Amino acid sequence: MFHLIWYVLIGLISGVIAKNVMHVHMTLFWTIVLGIIGSILGGAVTNMFSRPTNARYHPAGLIFSTLGAILVLFICYKLKIHFPAVNPF
């Protein structure tokens, strides 16, 4: 159960950072989904190059999660895929 909460928390943090860097407006749900996808992508890249000594935590987890989310937003921008935007009113 704690792992799911941890994935959502890291997904939220990395999604918020990525959407602010790329200047994208999206709902909170899609921000968390973006962060989780970026976390999976970033985790795959870091595990290809270096395995963590502790099986639970990789030191560059949040950094590569954010970079993975930025990469996902960049690919979506190039493919003209739009996330649902937030309505201001």
N, C-alpha and C. Protein backbone atom coordinates (compact mmCIF):
# COMPACT_ATOMS: atom_id res chain seq x y z
N MET A 1 0.82 -1.19 0.00
CA MET A 1 0.00 0.00 0.00
C MET A 1 0.87 1.26 0.00
N PHE A 2 1.95 1.22 0.77
CA PHE A 2 2.81 2.39 0.84
C PHE A 2 3.48 2.68 -0.50
N HIS A 3 3.74 1.64 -1.28
CA HIS A 3 4.36 1.84 -2.59
C HIS A 3 3.44 2.64 -3.52
N LEU A 4 2.16 2.37 -3.48
CA LEU A 4 1.21 3.11 -4.32
C LEU A 4 1.17 4.58 -3.93
N ILE A 5 1.17 4.85 -2.64
CA ILE A 5 1.18 6.24 -2.18
C ILE A 5 2.48 6.92 -2.60
N TRP A 6 3.59 6.19 -2.51
CA TRP A 6 4.89 6.73 -2.91
C TRP A 6 4.92 7.04 -4.41
N TYR A 7 4.36 6.13 -5.25
CA TYR A 7 4.30 6.37 -6.69
C TYR A 7 3.48 7.61 -7.01
N VAL A 8 2.35 7.77 -6.35
CA VAL A 8 1.50 8.94 -6.60
C VAL A 8 2.21 10.22 -6.16
N LEU A 9 2.88 10.19 -5.01
CA LEU A 9 3.58 11.37 -4.52
C LEU A 9 4.73 11.77 -5.44
N ILE A 10 5.56 10.81 -5.82
CA ILE A 10 6.67 11.10 -6.73
C ILE A 10 6.13 11.50 -8.10
N GLY A 11 5.06 10.86 -8.55
CA GLY A 11 4.43 11.23 -9.81
C GLY A 11 3.91 12.65 -9.80
N LEU A 12 3.31 13.04 -8.68
CA LEU A 12 2.81 14.41 -8.55
C LEU A 12 3.95 15.42 -8.58
N ILE A 13 4.99 15.16 -7.83
CA ILE A 13 6.11 16.11 -7.77
C ILE A 13 6.80 16.23 -9.12
N SER A 14 7.13 15.10 -9.74
CA SER A 14 7.83 15.17 -11.02
C SER A 14 6.91 15.70 -12.13
N GLY A 15 5.62 15.39 -12.08
CA GLY A 15 4.68 15.92 -13.06
C GLY A 15 4.52 17.42 -12.96
N VAL A 16 4.46 17.95 -11.74
CA VAL A 16 4.34 19.39 -11.55
C VAL A 16 5.58 20.11 -12.06
N ILE A 17 6.75 19.57 -11.75
CA ILE A 17 7.99 20.19 -12.23
C ILE A 17 8.05 20.15 -13.76
N ALA A 18 7.70 19.01 -14.35
CA ALA A 18 7.78 18.87 -15.81
C ALA A 18 6.79 19.78 -16.52
N LYS A 19 5.56 19.87 -16.01
CA LYS A 19 4.58 20.72 -16.70
C LYS A 19 4.91 22.20 -16.53
N ASN A 20 5.58 22.57 -15.44
CA ASN A 20 6.01 23.96 -15.30
C ASN A 20 7.19 24.28 -16.20
N VAL A 21 8.08 23.32 -16.41
CA VAL A 21 9.21 23.53 -17.31
C VAL A 21 8.74 23.66 -18.75
N MET A 22 7.78 22.81 -19.14
CA MET A 22 7.29 22.80 -20.52
C MET A 22 6.11 23.74 -20.74
N HIS A 23 5.66 24.44 -19.72
CA HIS A 23 4.55 25.41 -19.81
C HIS A 23 3.28 24.78 -20.37
N VAL A 24 2.86 23.68 -19.73
CA VAL A 24 1.66 22.96 -20.13
C VAL A 24 0.65 23.07 -19.00
N HIS A 25 -0.61 23.29 -19.33
CA HIS A 25 -1.67 23.34 -18.34
C HIS A 25 -2.48 22.07 -18.44
N MET A 26 -2.56 21.31 -17.35
CA MET A 26 -3.33 20.07 -17.33
C MET A 26 -3.90 19.85 -15.94
N THR A 27 -4.85 18.93 -15.87
CA THR A 27 -5.50 18.66 -14.59
C THR A 27 -4.55 17.91 -13.65
N LEU A 28 -4.96 17.85 -12.39
CA LEU A 28 -4.14 17.19 -11.38
C LEU A 28 -4.01 15.69 -11.69
N PHE A 29 -5.08 15.07 -12.14
CA PHE A 29 -5.03 13.64 -12.48
C PHE A 29 -4.01 13.38 -13.58
N TRP A 30 -4.04 14.16 -14.64
CA TRP A 30 -3.10 13.95 -15.76
C TRP A 30 -1.68 14.33 -15.37
N THR A 31 -1.52 15.24 -14.40
CA THR A 31 -0.19 15.56 -13.91
C THR A 31 0.41 14.36 -13.19
N ILE A 32 -0.40 13.69 -12.36
CA ILE A 32 0.08 12.50 -11.66
C ILE A 32 0.38 11.38 -12.65
N VAL A 33 -0.50 11.19 -13.64
CA VAL A 33 -0.27 10.15 -14.66
C VAL A 33 1.01 10.45 -15.42
N LEU A 34 1.22 11.70 -15.79
CA LEU A 34 2.44 12.09 -16.49
C LEU A 34 3.68 11.79 -15.64
N GLY A 35 3.62 12.12 -14.36
CA GLY A 35 4.75 11.86 -13.48
C GLY A 35 5.03 10.37 -13.31
N ILE A 36 3.98 9.55 -13.22
CA ILE A 36 4.17 8.11 -13.08
C ILE A 36 4.78 7.52 -14.36
N ILE A 37 4.30 7.97 -15.52
CA ILE A 37 4.88 7.50 -16.78
C ILE A 37 6.34 7.94 -16.89
N GLY A 38 6.62 9.18 -16.51
CA GLY A 38 8.00 9.67 -16.51
C GLY A 38 8.87 8.90 -15.52
N SER A 39 8.29 8.50 -14.41
CA SER A 39 9.03 7.72 -13.42
C SER A 39 9.37 6.33 -13.95
N ILE A 40 8.43 5.71 -14.66
CA ILE A 40 8.70 4.41 -15.26
C ILE A 40 9.79 4.54 -16.31
N LEU A 41 9.70 5.55 -17.15
CA LEU A 41 10.70 5.77 -18.19
C LEU A 41 12.07 6.10 -17.58
N GLY A 42 12.10 6.99 -16.61
CA GLY A 42 13.36 7.35 -15.96
C GLY A 42 13.96 6.20 -15.19
N GLY A 43 13.11 5.39 -14.55
CA GLY A 43 13.61 4.23 -13.83
C GLY A 43 14.20 3.19 -14.75
N ALA A 44 13.60 3.02 -15.93
CA ALA A 44 14.14 2.07 -16.90
C ALA A 44 15.51 2.52 -17.39
N VAL A 45 15.67 3.81 -17.62
CA VAL A 45 16.95 4.33 -18.09
C VAL A 45 18.03 4.18 -17.02
N THR A 46 17.70 4.53 -15.77
CA THR A 46 18.71 4.44 -14.71
C THR A 46 19.07 3.00 -14.40
N ASN A 47 18.12 2.08 -14.50
CA ASN A 47 18.44 0.68 -14.24
C ASN A 47 19.25 0.05 -15.36
N MET A 48 19.22 0.62 -16.56
CA MET A 48 20.06 0.11 -17.64
C MET A 48 21.53 0.42 -17.38
N PHE A 49 21.81 1.56 -16.77
CA PHE A 49 23.19 1.99 -16.59
C PHE A 49 23.77 1.65 -15.23
N SER A 50 22.96 1.75 -14.18
CA SER A 50 23.47 1.42 -12.85
C SER A 50 22.35 0.87 -11.99
N ARG A 51 22.61 -0.25 -11.39
CA ARG A 51 21.65 -0.85 -10.48
C ARG A 51 21.86 -0.25 -9.09
N PRO A 52 20.77 0.07 -8.39
CA PRO A 52 20.93 0.62 -7.04
C PRO A 52 21.41 -0.46 -6.06
N THR A 53 22.21 -0.05 -5.09
CA THR A 53 22.68 -1.00 -4.08
C THR A 53 21.53 -1.39 -3.15
N ASN A 54 20.67 -0.43 -2.84
CA ASN A 54 19.48 -0.69 -2.05
C ASN A 54 18.33 -0.93 -3.03
N ALA A 55 17.64 -2.03 -2.93
CA ALA A 55 16.61 -2.39 -3.92
C ALA A 55 15.40 -1.48 -3.88
N ARG A 56 15.22 -0.70 -2.84
CA ARG A 56 14.04 0.13 -2.70
C ARG A 56 14.19 1.53 -3.32
N TYR A 57 15.37 2.07 -3.28
CA TYR A 57 15.52 3.49 -3.62
C TYR A 57 16.73 3.69 -4.50
N HIS A 58 16.56 4.47 -5.56
CA HIS A 58 17.68 4.87 -6.41
C HIS A 58 17.94 6.34 -6.15
N PRO A 59 19.18 6.76 -5.95
CA PRO A 59 19.47 8.14 -5.57
C PRO A 59 18.99 9.18 -6.58
N ALA A 60 18.95 8.84 -7.85
CA ALA A 60 18.55 9.82 -8.86
C ALA A 60 17.10 9.62 -9.29
N GLY A 61 16.28 9.03 -8.44
CA GLY A 61 14.91 8.69 -8.81
C GLY A 61 14.05 9.88 -9.20
N LEU A 62 14.01 10.91 -8.37
CA LEU A 62 13.18 12.07 -8.66
C LEU A 62 13.71 12.85 -9.86
N ILE A 63 15.01 12.93 -9.99
CA ILE A 63 15.60 13.67 -11.11
C ILE A 63 15.26 12.99 -12.44
N PHE A 64 15.45 11.68 -12.51
CA PHE A 64 15.16 10.99 -13.76
C PHE A 64 13.67 10.84 -13.99
N SER A 65 12.87 10.83 -12.94
CA SER A 65 11.42 10.85 -13.11
C SER A 65 10.98 12.15 -13.77
N THR A 66 11.55 13.25 -13.32
CA THR A 66 11.23 14.54 -13.91
C THR A 66 11.71 14.63 -15.35
N LEU A 67 12.93 14.16 -15.61
CA LEU A 67 13.44 14.17 -16.98
C LEU A 67 12.61 13.27 -17.89
N GLY A 68 12.16 12.14 -17.37
CA GLY A 68 11.29 11.26 -18.15
C GLY A 68 9.96 11.91 -18.46
N ALA A 69 9.39 12.64 -17.50
CA ALA A 69 8.13 13.34 -17.72
C ALA A 69 8.30 14.47 -18.73
N ILE A 70 9.43 15.17 -18.68
CA ILE A 70 9.71 16.22 -19.67
C ILE A 70 9.83 15.61 -21.05
N LEU A 71 10.48 14.46 -21.15
CA LEU A 71 10.61 13.76 -22.43
C LEU A 71 9.24 13.35 -22.96
N VAL A 72 8.37 12.85 -22.10
CA VAL A 72 7.02 12.47 -22.52
C VAL A 72 6.26 13.69 -23.02
N LEU A 73 6.35 14.82 -22.33
CA LEU A 73 5.69 16.05 -22.79
C LEU A 73 6.25 16.53 -24.12
N PHE A 74 7.56 16.41 -24.30
CA PHE A 74 8.18 16.83 -25.55
C PHE A 74 7.71 15.96 -26.71
N ILE A 75 7.65 14.66 -26.48
CA ILE A 75 7.17 13.75 -27.53
C ILE A 75 5.71 14.02 -27.85
N CYS A 76 4.89 14.25 -26.82
CA CYS A 76 3.48 14.57 -27.04
C CYS A 76 3.33 15.88 -27.81
N TYR A 77 4.20 16.86 -27.54
CA TYR A 77 4.16 18.13 -28.25
C TYR A 77 4.50 17.92 -29.73
N LYS A 78 5.52 17.12 -30.00
CA LYS A 78 5.93 16.87 -31.39
C LYS A 78 4.88 16.07 -32.16
N LEU A 79 4.18 15.17 -31.47
CA LEU A 79 3.14 14.37 -32.11
C LEU A 79 1.77 15.04 -32.07
N LYS A 80 1.72 16.25 -31.52
CA LYS A 80 0.49 17.03 -31.40
C LYS A 80 -0.59 16.30 -30.60
N ILE A 81 -0.18 15.67 -29.51
CA ILE A 81 -1.10 15.03 -28.57
C ILE A 81 -1.33 16.01 -27.43
N HIS A 82 -2.58 16.32 -27.15
CA HIS A 82 -2.91 17.31 -26.12
C HIS A 82 -3.58 16.64 -24.93
N PHE A 83 -3.17 17.05 -23.75
CA PHE A 83 -3.81 16.61 -22.52
C PHE A 83 -5.00 17.50 -22.23
N PRO A 84 -5.99 17.01 -21.50
CA PRO A 84 -7.13 17.88 -21.14
C PRO A 84 -6.64 19.06 -20.31
N ALA A 85 -7.01 20.26 -20.72
CA ALA A 85 -6.58 21.48 -20.05
C ALA A 85 -7.49 21.79 -18.87
N VAL A 86 -6.97 22.62 -17.99
CA VAL A 86 -7.73 23.07 -16.83
C VAL A 86 -8.60 24.23 -17.24
N ASN A 87 -9.90 24.18 -16.92
CA ASN A 87 -10.78 25.31 -17.18
C ASN A 87 -10.64 26.33 -16.07
N PRO A 88 -10.32 27.58 -16.39
CA PRO A 88 -10.15 28.56 -15.32
C PRO A 88 -11.48 28.94 -14.65
N PHE A 89 -12.61 28.73 -15.33
CA PHE A 89 -13.91 29.10 -14.75
C PHE A 89 -14.90 27.98 -14.88
